[in-house]
Protein backbone atom coordinates (compact mmCIF):
# COMPACT_ATOMS: atom_id res chain seq x y z
CA MET A 1 -0.24 0.23 -0.22
CA GLN A 2 1.29 3.57 -0.89
CA ASN A 3 0.53 5.44 2.60
CA ALA A 4 2.46 8.63 1.92
CA ALA A 5 0.32 11.95 1.38
CA LEU A 6 1.60 13.04 -2.01
CA ALA A 7 2.83 16.73 -2.03
CA PRO A 8 1.50 19.41 -4.97
CA ASN A 9 3.97 20.94 -6.68
CA GLN A 10 4.85 23.57 -4.10
CA ASP A 11 7.92 23.84 -1.95
CA ASP A 12 7.92 24.40 1.86
CA ARG A 13 7.90 27.93 2.02
CA HIS A 14 7.38 29.99 5.55
CA THR A 15 3.93 30.84 7.34
CA ALA A 16 3.42 33.55 5.01
CA GLU A 17 2.92 30.88 2.34
CA PHE A 18 0.46 29.40 4.47
CA LEU A 19 -1.49 32.49 4.46
CA ARG A 20 -1.22 32.95 0.64
CA VAL A 21 -2.65 29.24 0.05
CA LYS A 22 -5.28 29.26 2.45
CA ALA A 23 -6.73 32.52 1.08
CA LEU A 24 -6.98 30.80 -1.93
CA ALA A 25 -8.50 28.03 -0.67
CA GLU A 26 -11.20 30.10 1.14
CA ARG A 27 -12.04 31.25 -2.11
CA GLY A 28 -12.67 28.30 -3.46
CA VAL A 29 -9.62 27.11 -5.21
CA ALA A 30 -9.56 22.99 -5.52
CA ASN A 31 -5.34 23.21 -5.82
CA ALA A 32 -4.75 25.88 -3.03
CA GLN A 33 -7.41 23.71 -0.71
CA HIS A 34 -5.50 20.57 -1.20
CA SER A 35 -2.45 22.00 -0.69
CA LEU A 36 -3.55 23.33 2.73
CA GLY A 37 -4.44 19.88 3.55
CA PHE A 38 -1.28 18.47 2.80
CA MET A 39 0.30 21.74 4.74
CA TYR A 40 -1.84 20.22 7.54
CA VAL A 41 -0.65 16.58 7.47
CA ASN A 42 2.91 17.23 7.42
CA GLY A 43 3.11 20.24 10.13
CA GLN A 44 4.53 22.67 7.11
CA GLY A 45 4.27 25.91 7.78
CA VAL A 46 1.37 25.20 10.56
CA PRO A 47 1.26 23.05 13.68
CA GLN A 48 0.00 19.44 11.96
CA ASN A 49 -3.58 18.97 12.48
CA TYR A 50 -4.85 15.88 10.56
CA GLU A 51 -8.83 16.85 11.31
CA LEU A 52 -8.28 20.19 9.19
CA ALA A 53 -6.20 18.21 6.98
CA VAL A 54 -9.44 15.94 6.36
CA ALA A 55 -11.65 19.09 5.95
CA TRP A 56 -9.68 20.57 3.42
CA TYR A 57 -8.87 17.46 1.26
CA ARG A 58 -12.63 16.73 1.25
CA MET A 59 -13.41 20.32 -0.39
CA ALA A 60 -10.62 19.67 -3.06
CA ALA A 61 -11.63 16.01 -3.50
CA SER A 62 -15.82 17.17 -3.74
CA ALA A 63 -14.65 19.56 -6.54
CA GLY A 64 -13.02 16.70 -8.47
CA LEU A 65 -9.15 16.89 -7.99
CA GLU A 66 -8.23 13.40 -8.06
CA GLN A 67 -5.07 13.95 -5.74
CA ALA A 68 -6.85 15.37 -3.25
CA GLN A 69 -9.68 12.41 -3.65
CA TYR A 70 -6.28 9.81 -3.41
CA ASN A 71 -5.35 11.73 -0.12
CA LEU A 72 -8.80 11.51 1.45
CA GLY A 73 -8.54 8.21 1.00
CA VAL A 74 -5.32 7.48 2.46
CA MET A 75 -6.64 9.15 5.63
CA TYR A 76 -9.24 7.17 5.77
CA GLN A 77 -7.52 4.03 5.33
CA LYS A 78 -4.73 5.00 8.18
CA GLY A 79 -7.49 6.34 10.26
CA GLN A 80 -5.80 10.02 10.61
CA GLY A 81 -8.09 12.76 11.28
CA VAL A 82 -11.21 10.46 11.11
CA PRO A 83 -11.59 6.87 12.26
CA GLN A 84 -10.54 4.36 9.72
CA ASP A 85 -12.74 3.71 7.61
CA PHE A 86 -12.05 0.92 4.56
CA GLU A 87 -14.97 1.53 2.75
CA GLN A 88 -14.80 5.24 2.87
CA ALA A 89 -11.03 4.68 1.93
CA ARG A 90 -12.30 2.62 -1.45
CA TYR A 91 -14.95 5.14 -2.38
CA TRP A 92 -12.55 8.29 -2.84
CA TYR A 93 -9.78 5.60 -4.32
CA GLU A 94 -12.41 4.49 -7.41
CA ARG A 95 -12.77 8.63 -7.93
CA ALA A 96 -9.19 9.51 -8.52
CA ALA A 97 -8.51 5.80 -9.96
CA GLU A 98 -11.66 6.29 -12.37
CA GLN A 99 -9.71 9.53 -13.46
CA GLY A 100 -6.79 7.52 -13.93
CA TYR A 101 -4.74 8.17 -11.07
CA ALA A 102 -1.89 5.54 -10.49
CA PRO A 103 -1.33 5.84 -7.06
CA ALA A 104 -4.97 5.06 -6.39
CA GLN A 105 -4.98 2.65 -9.00
CA TYR A 106 -2.64 1.07 -6.65
CA ASN A 107 -4.41 1.23 -3.41
CA LEU A 108 -7.63 0.41 -4.81
CA GLY A 109 -5.77 -2.96 -6.03
CA TRP A 110 -4.31 -3.51 -2.74
CA LEU A 111 -8.09 -2.98 -0.98
CA TYR A 112 -9.37 -5.61 -3.33
CA ALA A 113 -6.66 -7.88 -2.68
CA LYS A 114 -7.02 -7.67 1.27
CA GLY A 115 -10.62 -7.51 1.05
CA GLN A 116 -10.37 -4.27 3.05
CA GLY A 117 -13.48 -2.26 2.79
CA SER A 118 -14.98 -4.89 0.13
CA ALA A 119 -14.96 -8.32 -0.18
CA ALA A 120 -11.62 -9.96 -1.81
CA ASP A 121 -11.61 -9.91 -5.45
CA THR A 122 -8.72 -11.02 -6.76
CA GLN A 123 -9.73 -10.21 -10.36
CA ARG A 124 -10.75 -6.37 -9.40
CA ALA A 125 -7.20 -6.43 -7.85
CA MET A 126 -5.52 -7.30 -10.92
CA HIS A 127 -7.61 -4.96 -12.84
CA TRP A 128 -6.66 -1.84 -10.95
CA PHE A 129 -3.05 -3.03 -10.50
CA SER A 130 -2.95 -3.51 -14.09
CA LYS A 131 -4.13 -0.07 -15.21
CA ALA A 132 -1.46 1.48 -12.45
CA ALA A 133 1.39 -0.92 -13.85
CA GLU A 134 0.81 0.31 -17.46
CA GLN A 135 1.54 3.88 -15.97
CA GLY A 136 4.55 2.60 -14.84
CA ASP A 137 3.60 2.39 -11.15
CA PRO A 138 6.50 0.12 -9.66
CA GLY A 139 4.41 -0.82 -6.91
CA ALA A 140 1.74 -2.16 -8.98
CA GLN A 141 4.19 -3.79 -11.62
CA HIS A 142 5.62 -5.34 -8.62
CA ASN A 143 2.47 -6.76 -6.91
CA LEU A 144 1.39 -8.01 -10.83
CA GLY A 145 4.48 -9.86 -10.57
CA MET A 146 3.22 -11.53 -7.52
CA MET A 147 0.16 -12.35 -8.81
CA TYR A 148 1.30 -14.01 -11.76
CA GLU A 149 4.00 -15.95 -9.73
CA GLY A 150 1.34 -17.32 -7.74
CA GLY A 151 -1.66 -17.64 -9.80
CA LYS A 152 -3.49 -15.31 -8.11
CA GLY A 153 -6.48 -14.08 -10.14
CA VAL A 154 -4.65 -15.07 -13.55
CA PRO A 155 -2.83 -18.80 -14.61
CA GLN A 156 0.63 -18.99 -13.13
CA ASP A 157 3.13 -17.52 -14.97
CA GLN A 158 6.42 -17.60 -14.54
CA GLN A 159 7.91 -15.59 -17.62
CA GLN A 160 5.29 -12.94 -16.92
CA ALA A 161 5.91 -12.48 -13.34
CA ILE A 162 9.71 -12.17 -14.07
CA ALA A 163 8.91 -9.45 -17.21
CA TRP A 164 6.81 -7.63 -14.34
CA TYR A 165 9.37 -7.64 -11.84
CA LEU A 166 12.08 -6.57 -14.05
CA ARG A 167 10.09 -3.35 -15.13
CA ALA A 168 9.42 -2.35 -11.58
CA ALA A 169 13.44 -3.34 -10.83
CA GLU A 170 14.69 -1.39 -13.42
CA GLN A 171 13.10 1.80 -11.72
CA GLY A 172 14.75 0.88 -8.74
CA TYR A 173 12.11 -1.18 -6.79
CA ALA A 174 13.69 -2.68 -3.93
CA ARG A 175 11.40 -5.86 -3.35
CA SER A 176 11.10 -6.75 -7.48
CA GLN A 177 15.07 -6.42 -7.19
CA PHE A 178 14.96 -8.83 -4.56
CA ASN A 179 12.90 -11.08 -6.24
CA LEU A 180 14.72 -11.06 -9.06
CA GLY A 181 17.90 -12.06 -7.50
CA LEU A 182 16.05 -14.74 -5.57
CA ARG A 183 14.99 -15.84 -9.38
CA TYR A 184 18.46 -15.95 -10.79
CA ASP A 185 19.97 -17.82 -7.59
CA SER A 186 17.51 -20.63 -7.86
CA GLY A 187 16.97 -20.86 -11.38
CA GLN A 188 13.19 -20.42 -11.05
CA GLY A 189 12.04 -19.10 -14.87
CA VAL A 190 15.03 -17.88 -15.60
CA PRO A 191 18.64 -19.34 -16.44
CA ARG A 192 20.57 -19.77 -12.73
CA ASP A 193 22.66 -17.14 -12.82
CA PRO A 194 24.45 -16.06 -9.38
CA GLY A 195 26.33 -13.17 -10.57
CA MET A 196 23.10 -11.71 -11.61
CA ALA A 197 21.21 -13.13 -8.34
CA LEU A 198 23.86 -10.83 -6.40
CA SER A 199 23.61 -7.81 -8.68
CA TRP A 200 19.94 -7.43 -8.03
CA LEU A 201 20.64 -8.15 -4.25
CA ARG A 202 22.89 -5.93 -3.68
CA LYS A 203 20.81 -3.02 -5.43
CA ALA A 204 18.11 -4.22 -3.27
CA ALA A 205 20.28 -4.10 -0.33
CA GLU A 206 22.21 -0.84 -0.80
CA GLN A 207 18.59 0.69 -1.24
CA GLY A 208 18.07 -0.45 2.80
CA TYR A 209 15.69 -3.58 1.82
CA ALA A 210 16.25 -5.73 4.78
CA PRO A 211 15.36 -9.01 3.35
CA ALA A 212 17.99 -8.56 0.85
CA GLN A 213 20.57 -7.51 3.61
CA PHE A 214 20.32 -10.26 5.16
CA ASN A 215 20.68 -12.35 2.27
CA LEU A 216 23.59 -10.58 1.39
CA GLY A 217 25.09 -11.40 5.22
CA LEU A 218 24.51 -14.87 4.60
CA ARG A 219 26.12 -15.10 1.62
CA TYR A 220 29.69 -13.64 3.07
CA ASP A 221 28.88 -15.35 6.11
CA LYS A 222 28.74 -18.91 4.41
CA GLY A 223 30.76 -17.82 1.53
CA GLN A 224 28.23 -18.45 -1.22
CA ASP A 225 28.99 -17.37 -4.68
CA LEU A 226 31.21 -14.88 -2.91
CA PRO A 227 34.52 -14.89 -0.62
CA GLN A 228 33.68 -15.74 2.79
CA ASP A 229 33.99 -12.26 4.85
CA SER A 230 32.78 -12.12 8.19
CA GLU A 231 33.13 -8.23 8.55
CA LYS A 232 30.90 -7.88 5.48
CA ALA A 233 28.60 -10.46 6.45
CA ILE A 234 28.27 -8.64 10.08
CA LEU A 235 28.03 -4.83 8.12
CA TRP A 236 24.91 -6.16 6.16
CA TYR A 237 23.46 -8.08 9.02
CA THR A 238 23.89 -4.92 10.99
CA ARG A 239 21.82 -2.82 8.71
CA ALA A 240 19.36 -5.24 8.49
CA GLY A 241 19.15 -6.31 12.17
CA GLU A 242 18.94 -2.55 12.79
CA GLN A 243 15.71 -1.95 10.63
CA GLY A 244 14.41 -4.62 13.17
CA HIS A 245 15.02 -8.01 10.84
CA ALA A 246 14.89 -10.78 13.58
CA SER A 247 16.88 -13.25 11.29
CA SER A 248 20.03 -10.90 11.15
CA GLN A 249 20.01 -9.91 14.59
CA PHE A 250 19.90 -14.01 15.27
CA ASN A 251 22.39 -14.83 13.23
CA LEU A 252 24.36 -11.76 14.47
CA GLY A 253 24.31 -13.23 18.06
CA LEU A 254 25.50 -16.42 16.35
CA ILE A 255 28.37 -14.86 14.97
CA TYR A 256 29.39 -12.83 18.05
CA ASP A 257 28.81 -15.65 20.37
CA SER A 258 30.82 -18.30 18.15
CA GLY A 259 33.57 -15.47 17.63
CA HIS A 260 33.28 -16.64 13.82
CA GLY A 261 35.88 -14.22 11.97
CA VAL A 262 35.52 -11.69 14.82
CA PRO A 263 36.77 -11.38 18.54
CA ARG A 264 34.23 -12.99 20.61
CA ASP A 265 31.66 -11.11 22.64
CA GLU A 266 29.23 -12.90 24.78
CA GLU A 267 27.85 -9.33 25.84
CA ARG A 268 26.94 -8.13 22.35
CA ALA A 269 25.82 -11.85 21.11
CA LEU A 270 23.20 -11.87 23.99
CA ALA A 271 22.10 -8.01 23.22
CA TRP A 272 21.64 -9.36 19.61
CA PHE A 273 19.79 -12.64 20.57
CA ARG A 274 16.95 -10.50 22.91
CA LYS A 275 16.54 -8.38 20.22
CA ALA A 276 15.23 -11.44 17.91
CA ALA A 277 13.63 -12.83 20.62
CA GLU A 278 11.48 -10.10 21.59
CA GLN A 279 10.39 -10.12 17.67
CA GLY A 280 9.68 -13.55 18.09
CA HIS A 281 12.66 -15.35 16.67
CA ALA A 282 12.07 -18.88 18.01
CA GLY A 283 15.59 -19.87 17.64
CA ALA A 284 16.42 -16.79 19.39
CA GLN A 285 14.03 -17.74 22.06
CA ASP A 286 15.57 -21.20 22.72
CA ASN A 287 18.63 -19.53 22.67
CA ILE A 288 18.11 -17.33 25.33
CA GLY A 289 16.51 -20.02 27.17
CA LEU A 290 19.84 -22.22 27.24
CA ARG A 291 21.67 -19.48 28.54
CA TYR A 292 19.44 -18.42 31.76
CA GLU A 293 19.32 -22.49 32.00
CA HIS A 294 22.73 -23.14 31.99
CA GLY A 295 23.99 -19.53 33.60
CA GLN A 296 26.06 -18.48 30.47
CA GLY A 297 26.48 -14.61 30.50
CA VAL A 298 23.43 -14.18 32.66
CA ALA A 299 22.59 -15.27 36.06
CA GLN A 300 21.21 -18.82 35.98
CA ASP A 301 16.98 -18.58 36.32
CA TYR A 302 15.35 -21.70 35.33
CA GLU A 303 11.93 -20.16 35.36
CA VAL A 304 13.03 -17.12 32.79
CA ALA A 305 14.98 -20.08 30.83
CA ALA A 306 11.32 -21.62 31.16
CA HIS A 307 9.75 -18.58 29.89
CA TRP A 308 11.52 -18.32 26.19
CA TYR A 309 11.60 -22.25 25.77
CA ARG A 310 7.77 -22.02 26.11
CA LYS A 311 7.42 -19.30 24.01
CA ALA A 312 9.61 -20.55 21.08
CA ALA A 313 7.82 -24.37 21.76
CA VAL A 314 4.33 -22.99 21.15
CA GLN A 315 6.00 -21.75 17.70
CA GLY A 316 6.20 -25.17 17.16
CA PHE A 317 10.43 -25.35 17.16
CA ALA A 318 11.32 -28.57 18.23
CA GLY A 319 14.57 -27.65 20.31
CA ALA A 320 12.71 -25.59 22.76
CA GLN A 321 10.03 -28.03 23.18
CA TYR A 322 12.93 -30.94 24.07
CA HIS A 323 14.42 -28.10 26.40
CA LEU A 324 11.35 -27.45 27.81
CA GLY A 325 10.52 -31.35 28.47
CA GLN A 326 13.72 -31.39 30.19
CA LEU A 327 12.71 -28.62 32.58
CA CYS A 328 8.99 -30.17 32.98
CA ASP A 329 10.82 -33.80 33.70
CA ALA A 330 13.20 -32.16 36.44
CA GLY A 331 10.92 -29.60 37.80
CA ASN A 332 13.36 -26.98 36.93
CA GLY A 333 11.73 -23.42 36.89
CA VAL A 334 8.67 -25.00 36.70
CA ALA A 335 6.53 -27.88 38.40
CA ARG A 336 7.34 -30.80 37.90
CA ASP A 337 4.99 -32.75 34.98
CA PRO A 338 6.23 -35.78 33.80
CA ALA A 339 2.96 -35.84 31.77
CA GLU A 340 3.53 -32.31 30.30
CA ALA A 341 7.21 -33.41 29.70
CA LEU A 342 6.18 -36.34 27.52
CA ASP A 343 3.98 -34.07 25.50
CA TRP A 344 6.99 -31.93 24.73
CA TYR A 345 9.41 -34.55 23.87
CA ARG A 346 6.90 -36.09 21.34
CA GLN A 347 5.85 -32.85 19.94
CA ALA A 348 9.81 -32.41 19.34
CA ALA A 349 10.33 -35.70 18.46
CA GLU A 350 7.61 -35.97 15.93
CA GLN A 351 9.68 -33.32 14.20
CA GLY A 352 12.57 -34.97 13.72
CA HIS A 353 14.30 -33.87 16.70
CA LEU A 354 17.07 -36.66 17.28
CA ARG A 355 17.43 -36.08 21.22
CA ALA A 356 13.34 -36.15 21.90
CA GLN A 357 13.43 -39.34 19.87
CA PHE A 358 15.92 -41.26 21.60
CA ASP A 359 14.72 -40.04 25.21
CA LEU A 360 11.11 -40.81 24.14
CA ALA A 361 12.22 -44.43 22.94
CA LEU A 362 14.27 -44.85 26.53
CA ARG A 363 11.25 -43.77 28.29
CA TYR A 364 8.75 -46.46 26.06
CA GLU A 365 11.53 -49.20 26.77
CA ASN A 366 11.79 -48.79 30.76
CA GLY A 367 8.14 -47.37 31.17
CA ILE A 368 9.14 -44.20 32.72
CA GLY A 369 6.05 -42.14 32.75
CA VAL A 370 4.54 -44.09 30.20
CA ALA A 371 3.40 -47.74 30.14
CA GLN A 372 6.39 -49.74 28.60
CA ASP A 373 5.75 -50.44 25.31
CA LEU A 374 9.26 -52.23 23.68
CA PRO A 375 7.51 -51.94 19.80
CA ARG A 376 6.98 -48.13 20.24
CA ALA A 377 10.56 -47.92 21.91
CA LEU A 378 11.77 -49.65 18.77
CA ALA A 379 10.02 -47.68 16.55
CA TRP A 380 11.46 -44.22 18.04
CA TYR A 381 14.99 -45.36 18.56
CA ARG A 382 14.87 -46.34 14.47
CA CYS A 383 13.60 -42.98 14.00
CA ALA A 384 17.04 -41.41 15.85
CA ALA A 385 18.66 -44.11 14.27
CA ASP A 386 18.05 -42.62 10.72
CA GLN A 387 19.63 -39.66 11.42
CA ASP A 388 22.91 -41.34 12.36
CA TYR A 389 22.74 -41.51 16.13
CA ALA A 390 25.10 -44.46 17.12
CA PRO A 391 23.65 -44.64 20.50
CA ALA A 392 20.21 -45.47 18.93
CA GLN A 393 21.43 -47.59 16.24
CA TYR A 394 23.01 -49.72 19.20
CA MET A 395 19.49 -49.78 20.87
CA VAL A 396 17.81 -50.61 17.64
CA GLY A 397 20.04 -53.64 17.65
CA GLN A 398 19.78 -54.32 21.70
CA LEU A 399 15.77 -54.42 20.80
CA ILE A 400 15.63 -56.63 17.69
CA ASP A 401 17.53 -58.61 19.47
CA ARG A 402 15.12 -58.84 22.43
CA ILE A 403 11.35 -58.75 20.71
CA GLU A 404 12.05 -60.29 17.64
CA ASP A 405 12.46 -63.78 16.54
CA ASP A 406 12.39 -64.32 13.04
CA PRO A 407 15.32 -65.64 10.81
CA GLY A 408 16.47 -62.35 9.37
CA SER A 409 16.60 -60.32 12.83
CA ALA A 410 19.81 -61.60 13.90
CA ALA A 411 21.39 -60.04 10.70
CA GLU A 412 19.47 -57.09 10.97
CA ALA A 413 20.62 -56.22 14.66
CA CYS A 414 24.07 -57.03 13.46
CA ALA A 415 23.66 -54.67 10.80
CA TRP A 416 22.77 -51.91 13.31
CA TYR A 417 25.75 -53.04 15.25
CA ARG A 418 27.94 -52.70 12.64
CA ARG A 419 26.57 -49.30 11.87
CA ALA A 420 27.00 -47.67 15.41
CA ALA A 421 30.69 -49.50 15.28
CA GLU A 422 31.64 -47.52 12.52
CA GLN A 423 30.64 -44.76 14.44
CA GLY A 424 32.97 -45.14 16.85
CA HIS A 425 30.32 -46.31 19.72
CA ALA A 426 32.31 -48.92 22.05
CA LEU A 427 29.04 -51.15 23.26
CA ALA A 428 28.83 -51.83 19.69
CA GLN A 429 32.05 -52.47 18.47
CA PHE A 430 32.19 -55.14 21.28
CA GLU A 431 28.82 -56.42 20.57
CA TYR A 432 29.63 -56.58 16.69
CA GLY A 433 32.69 -58.32 17.98
CA LEU A 434 30.63 -60.80 19.88
CA ARG A 435 29.09 -61.35 16.84
CA HIS A 436 32.01 -62.01 14.57
CA ASP A 437 33.20 -64.32 17.41
CA SER A 438 30.35 -66.43 17.74
CA GLY A 439 28.99 -66.40 14.34
CA ASN A 440 25.66 -64.62 15.24
CA GLY A 441 23.85 -62.74 12.36
CA VAL A 442 27.37 -63.07 10.55
CA GLU A 443 30.05 -65.43 9.58
CA ARG A 444 32.20 -66.44 12.18
CA ASP A 445 35.38 -64.62 11.78
CA TYR A 446 37.86 -64.40 14.81
CA GLU A 447 39.82 -61.85 12.72
CA ALA A 448 36.91 -59.59 12.85
CA ALA A 449 35.97 -60.30 16.11
CA HIS A 450 39.39 -59.71 17.28
CA PHE A 451 39.41 -55.99 15.33
CA TRP A 452 36.14 -55.30 17.06
CA TYR A 453 37.16 -56.03 20.64
CA LEU A 454 40.23 -54.04 19.95
CA CYS A 455 38.15 -51.00 18.78
CA ALA A 456 35.88 -51.19 22.15
CA ALA A 457 38.85 -51.96 24.61
CA ARG A 458 41.03 -48.98 23.69
CA GLN A 459 38.22 -46.95 24.91
CA GLY A 460 37.94 -48.52 28.00
CA HIS A 461 35.18 -51.40 27.43
CA ALA A 462 36.24 -53.83 30.19
CA ARG A 463 35.00 -57.19 28.81
CA ALA A 464 36.26 -56.24 25.67
CA ARG A 465 39.56 -56.53 26.93
CA PHE A 466 38.76 -59.66 28.62
CA ASN A 467 38.00 -61.33 25.19
CA LEU A 468 40.81 -59.67 23.85
CA GLY A 469 43.46 -61.36 26.46
CA VAL A 470 41.68 -65.05 25.87
CA MET A 471 42.12 -64.52 21.96
CA TYR A 472 45.98 -63.27 22.16
CA ALA A 473 46.34 -66.32 25.16
CA SER A 474 44.90 -68.72 22.76
CA GLY A 475 46.02 -67.41 19.63
CA GLN A 476 42.44 -67.12 18.29
CA GLY A 477 42.09 -64.67 15.45
CA VAL A 478 45.61 -63.39 16.33
CA ALA A 479 49.16 -64.46 16.66
CA ARG A 480 49.33 -66.24 20.34
CA ASP A 481 51.08 -63.50 22.57
CA GLN A 482 51.56 -64.10 26.23
CA VAL A 483 52.68 -60.61 26.71
CA GLU A 484 49.59 -58.69 25.02
CA ALA A 485 47.07 -61.63 26.79
CA TYR A 486 48.77 -60.41 30.66
CA ALA A 487 48.11 -57.04 29.63
CA TRP A 488 44.81 -57.09 28.00
CA LEU A 489 43.65 -59.33 30.91
CA GLN A 490 45.00 -57.12 33.89
CA ARG A 491 43.02 -54.15 32.65
CA ALA A 492 40.33 -56.44 32.32
CA ALA A 493 40.76 -56.98 35.96
CA HIS A 494 41.09 -53.77 36.60
CA GLY A 495 37.79 -52.74 35.01
CA GLY A 496 35.50 -55.05 37.03
CA VAL A 497 35.77 -58.26 35.20
CA ALA A 498 35.76 -61.05 37.88
CA ALA A 499 37.00 -63.84 35.36
CA ALA A 500 39.80 -62.06 34.42
CA THR A 501 41.61 -62.18 37.72
CA ALA A 502 41.77 -65.91 37.81
CA TYR A 503 42.30 -66.06 34.40
CA VAL A 504 45.62 -63.60 34.50
CA ARG A 505 46.91 -65.58 37.67
CA ARG A 506 46.86 -68.90 35.67
CA LEU A 507 48.63 -67.67 32.95
CA ALA A 508 51.22 -66.38 34.91
CA THR A 509 51.70 -69.55 36.55
CA ARG A 510 52.54 -70.70 32.74
CA MET A 511 55.07 -67.49 31.81
CA GLU A 512 58.53 -67.62 32.22
CA PRO A 513 59.72 -65.23 34.98
CA ALA A 514 61.57 -63.13 32.30
CA LEU A 515 58.44 -63.24 29.69
CA LEU A 516 56.20 -62.19 33.11
CA ALA A 517 58.62 -59.28 33.93
CA GLN A 518 58.30 -58.13 30.62
CA ALA A 519 54.27 -58.33 30.49
CA GLN A 520 54.24 -56.46 33.75
CA ALA A 521 56.59 -53.87 32.39
CA TYR A 522 54.73 -53.35 29.33
CA LEU A 523 51.23 -53.38 31.03
CA ARG A 524 53.08 -50.42 33.23
CA ALA A 525 53.75 -48.60 29.82
CA CYS A 526 50.74 -49.07 28.61
CA GLU A 527 48.82 -47.70 31.57
CA THR A 528 51.46 -44.71 31.82
CA ALA A 529 51.04 -43.78 28.06
CA GLN A 530 47.12 -44.03 28.84
CA LEU A 531 47.53 -41.70 31.84
CA ALA A 532 49.13 -39.13 29.29
CA GLN A 533 46.60 -39.08 27.01
CA VAL A 534 43.68 -38.13 29.50
């Protein structure tokens, strides 16, 4: 909508000029009446007075002056000097539009598009936008582009949309420049051309259009089609953020929080996060909630954390739903409510939040806050496992082993253990080693068993250390080596494997004193090296 009252072709004089115009207006000169109304609207040579502005606009409008009819419509649309009345606005816009006045045609199209002052009517909106667009009104040209793009009132036509965007953009209309930039970036309706995309985005950004400034900042931030440049990213984010662009404010918070390309500044990060959060940016609200929950840059306050989590959670932000569920579960900042916690976990899990899926599975597996339901637990573990979360992949294998007994279940469980093991999950590595050791779900392979036991043992898995010791002692899957056997068995014993203590004693009695001393020295060296890595 074009809201600004249009100025007559007169310069701002002094109070004497106001008196001269007033004298003409009082003699019934329509142009002077309109000029006087404009002076009252803007406080030009006289104190601002919307009521008197409306009175003088009405005189000139009633005399048929299209510019006054338009400006009177604006006053009714904005509720300045009169109660807001879209029907009256439409009436006066129509009188000016029928005289061919392009700004009135544009605003009339807008009222019909929005259903203000009459029922929404896309055909009439299209009619009046077209009238204004043909006269070169860039706002109308842009809106025509949007209607062709979305197929509103006309068959969808990307080429027509781009043609109208281009006509407006070439007049410097920032929104059309931005839309053209997006089309060239995506290749929608035009061949993809990153250079043209950047050119149009920059034109819009340099005019102060916040979405374009954000987009340009994002490209510098991520190094997309431009060399990565944190300083320029901050420049464009700041320009947009100072206009209230919430995503720019949030990204500024991320940059200052991480110190990515700039000195880390937690206080500045928090200030930008807060600006975005207060505008309803869910990611920023969740971020502030995390800070209050953990006392990061602010005094720890669970109630305030819950306040911000809830604001983001009701917007459907999965991370905040999960975090709020944790507070409800623990009774931190809110009354402890396992049922509400479960509800928030479920909402987050249904959106694909990995940790919520895993925690929900744990609850169904163990009957925490819900009736135990192993098939449902398995289903949620699978959801998290499909996101390559190793603990969930391991648990899928475990539950398949527990509740499924069809011929292929052992092989399926083994496949899940392998996926988790390859990500370094020690329990899965041990389990996968056991499968190769026993030939359960996979062909028996002692060398593979040795490899996976070794992987788990190096992470401190006590039973894997015991099995390794046995393999080295017997030469199963690896060359027989009593020194290695002694070292692994002793470490298993230290880890609480009762059988390892008796086994290492028997092994020691069969070793020559020199070999036993060598094994003991080797064990000490291994333990020293392990301590050095801690």
